[in-house]
Amino acid sequence: MNETLTNFRQAVADRTDLQEKVKAGADLVALGKDNGYEFTQEELETSWEELQESDEGLTDFELDVVSGGIGHKADSCWVAREVYGETSPQWLLFRSWLLGDSPSWFRNLYINKGEAFAGWLSKNTWLKPIIRRWMDGRIRS
């Protein structure tokens, strides 16, 4: 990710006035420019793609925005957060698949048993890479 966008992300994470503008739907390129950060829409999109592929996490504010304003700590994606990590955007992509495209039997099982399974998984980390590969496959589909 380019340095200007990294600095802009940090500014947004630190400033509630910028967060309110982002929540209100501000054009991020224009908002960046108004605050001394010059980048293009293409650079913004490329950086978002790079961020999704990297191990770098999202800020708490970014997680809140990407998850639709639902507090991510209270979200029902316990297993995905355990597998990918709280700050990874990947768990949000899995959540999107779960809520929109997964079979209803799986969604119901996940919602009813997922929290307990995530607790078990946190102690049995050897299984995480296998589950992650399976989840990655759902995200790509």
Protein backbone atom coordinates (compact mmCIF):
# COMPACT_ATOMS: atom_id res chain seq x y z
CA MET A 1 0.00 0.00 0.00
CA ASN A 2 1.38 3.40 -0.83
CA GLU A 3 2.54 5.63 2.00
CA THR A 4 -0.01 8.37 1.31
CA LEU A 5 -2.91 5.94 1.66
CA THR A 6 -1.38 4.41 4.78
CA ASN A 7 -1.17 7.90 6.30
CA PHE A 8 -4.74 8.70 5.23
CA ARG A 9 -6.04 5.45 6.78
CA GLN A 10 -4.31 6.36 10.03
CA ALA A 11 -5.75 9.87 9.96
CA VAL A 12 -9.25 8.47 9.49
CA ALA A 13 -8.68 5.96 12.29
CA ASP A 14 -7.59 8.79 14.61
CA ARG A 15 -10.11 11.52 13.75
CA THR A 16 -13.83 11.33 14.43
CA ASP A 17 -14.56 14.22 12.05
CA LEU A 18 -13.12 12.20 9.16
CA GLN A 19 -14.93 9.06 10.33
CA GLU A 20 -18.25 10.91 10.27
CA LYS A 21 -17.59 12.08 6.71
CA VAL A 22 -16.72 8.54 5.61
CA LYS A 23 -19.90 7.19 7.25
CA ALA A 24 -21.90 9.90 5.48
CA GLY A 25 -20.63 8.58 2.14
CA ALA A 26 -17.92 11.11 1.32
CA ASP A 27 -15.83 10.54 -1.78
CA LEU A 28 -12.60 9.17 -0.27
CA VAL A 29 -10.36 10.65 -2.96
CA ALA A 30 -11.86 14.12 -2.44
CA LEU A 31 -11.79 13.73 1.35
CA GLY A 32 -8.14 12.73 1.17
CA LYS A 33 -7.29 15.69 -1.04
CA ASP A 34 -9.14 18.10 1.26
CA ASN A 35 -6.97 16.84 4.12
CA GLY A 36 -3.61 16.88 2.31
CA TYR A 37 -3.50 13.27 1.03
CA GLU A 38 -3.23 12.99 -2.76
CA PHE A 39 -4.22 9.63 -4.32
CA THR A 40 -6.38 8.44 -7.20
CA GLN A 41 -9.42 6.19 -7.19
CA GLU A 42 -7.33 3.53 -8.93
CA GLU A 43 -4.68 3.71 -6.21
CA LEU A 44 -7.42 3.44 -3.58
CA GLU A 45 -8.92 0.35 -5.23
CA THR A 46 -5.52 -1.29 -5.75
CA SER A 47 -4.57 -0.66 -2.14
CA TRP A 48 -7.86 -2.17 -0.92
CA GLU A 49 -7.16 -5.31 -2.97
CA GLU A 50 -3.61 -5.48 -1.60
CA LEU A 51 -4.91 -5.04 1.93
CA GLN A 52 -7.33 -7.95 1.52
CA GLU A 53 -4.48 -10.20 0.38
CA SER A 54 -2.03 -9.09 3.07
CA ASP A 55 -1.68 -10.04 6.71
CA GLU A 56 -2.17 -6.40 7.69
CA GLY A 57 -5.37 -5.90 9.60
CA LEU A 58 -8.08 -3.31 9.28
CA THR A 59 -8.47 -0.57 11.83
CA ASP A 60 -11.44 -0.82 14.19
CA PHE A 61 -13.19 1.92 12.24
CA GLU A 62 -12.61 0.14 8.90
CA LEU A 63 -13.97 -3.10 10.34
CA ASP A 64 -17.06 -1.28 11.55
CA VAL A 65 -17.64 0.29 8.12
CA VAL A 66 -17.00 -2.91 6.16
CA SER A 67 -19.24 -4.96 8.44
CA GLY A 68 -22.09 -2.53 7.88
CA GLY A 69 -21.91 -0.81 11.23
CA ILE A 70 -22.56 -4.00 13.15
CA GLY A 71 -20.11 -4.18 16.02
CA HIS A 72 -17.72 -6.89 14.86
CA LYS A 73 -17.18 -8.18 18.38
CA ALA A 74 -20.86 -9.05 18.65
CA ASP A 75 -21.08 -10.56 15.17
CA SER A 76 -21.83 -14.24 14.76
CA CYS A 77 -18.69 -15.15 12.79
CA TRP A 78 -16.77 -16.65 15.68
CA VAL A 79 -15.04 -19.38 13.64
CA ALA A 80 -14.00 -17.05 10.81
CA ARG A 81 -12.60 -14.54 13.30
CA GLU A 82 -10.73 -17.36 15.05
CA VAL A 83 -9.30 -18.66 11.76
CA TYR A 84 -8.45 -15.34 10.10
CA GLY A 85 -8.01 -13.04 13.10
CA GLU A 86 -10.13 -10.16 14.37
CA THR A 87 -8.53 -7.49 12.21
CA SER A 88 -8.37 -9.40 8.94
CA PRO A 89 -10.87 -8.38 6.26
CA GLN A 90 -11.07 -12.05 5.22
CA TRP A 91 -13.47 -12.95 8.03
CA LEU A 92 -15.86 -10.29 6.71
CA LEU A 93 -15.73 -11.82 3.24
CA PHE A 94 -16.55 -15.20 4.75
CA ARG A 95 -19.40 -13.64 6.73
CA SER A 96 -20.78 -12.21 3.50
CA TRP A 97 -20.72 -15.69 1.94
CA LEU A 98 -22.26 -17.21 5.06
CA LEU A 99 -25.15 -14.77 5.20
CA GLY A 100 -25.75 -14.52 1.47
CA ASP A 101 -24.72 -17.71 -0.31
CA SER A 102 -24.27 -20.57 2.15
CA PRO A 103 -26.87 -23.34 2.36
CA SER A 104 -29.42 -22.63 5.09
CA TRP A 105 -28.56 -25.83 6.97
CA PHE A 106 -24.91 -24.73 7.19
CA ARG A 107 -25.81 -21.17 8.21
CA ASN A 108 -28.08 -22.48 10.97
CA LEU A 109 -25.41 -24.92 12.20
CA TYR A 110 -22.78 -22.18 12.18
CA ILE A 111 -24.99 -19.75 14.09
CA ASN A 112 -26.03 -22.38 16.65
CA LYS A 113 -22.70 -24.17 17.20
CA GLY A 114 -20.07 -21.78 15.85
CA GLU A 115 -19.25 -19.99 19.09
CA ALA A 116 -18.54 -23.25 20.93
CA PHE A 117 -16.58 -24.62 17.98
CA ALA A 118 -14.46 -21.45 17.81
CA GLY A 119 -13.62 -21.88 21.48
CA TRP A 120 -12.53 -25.46 20.84
CA LEU A 121 -10.61 -24.38 17.73
CA SER A 122 -8.66 -21.77 19.71
CA LYS A 123 -7.12 -24.67 21.68
CA ASN A 124 -6.72 -26.97 18.67
CA THR A 125 -4.86 -24.71 16.29
CA TRP A 126 -3.63 -27.58 14.10
CA LEU A 127 -7.05 -27.55 12.38
CA LYS A 128 -7.07 -23.83 11.51
CA PRO A 129 -5.08 -24.12 8.24
CA ILE A 130 -7.50 -26.78 6.94
CA ILE A 131 -10.56 -24.73 7.83
CA ARG A 132 -8.94 -21.61 6.40
CA ARG A 133 -8.39 -23.33 3.03
CA TRP A 134 -12.04 -24.40 3.03
CA MET A 135 -13.19 -20.87 3.93
CA ASP A 136 -10.90 -19.38 1.26
CA GLY A 137 -12.67 -21.60 -1.26
CA ARG A 138 -16.06 -20.25 -0.18
CA ILE A 139 -14.83 -16.66 -0.44
CA ARG A 140 -13.55 -17.22 -4.00
CA SER A 141 -16.79 -18.84 -5.18
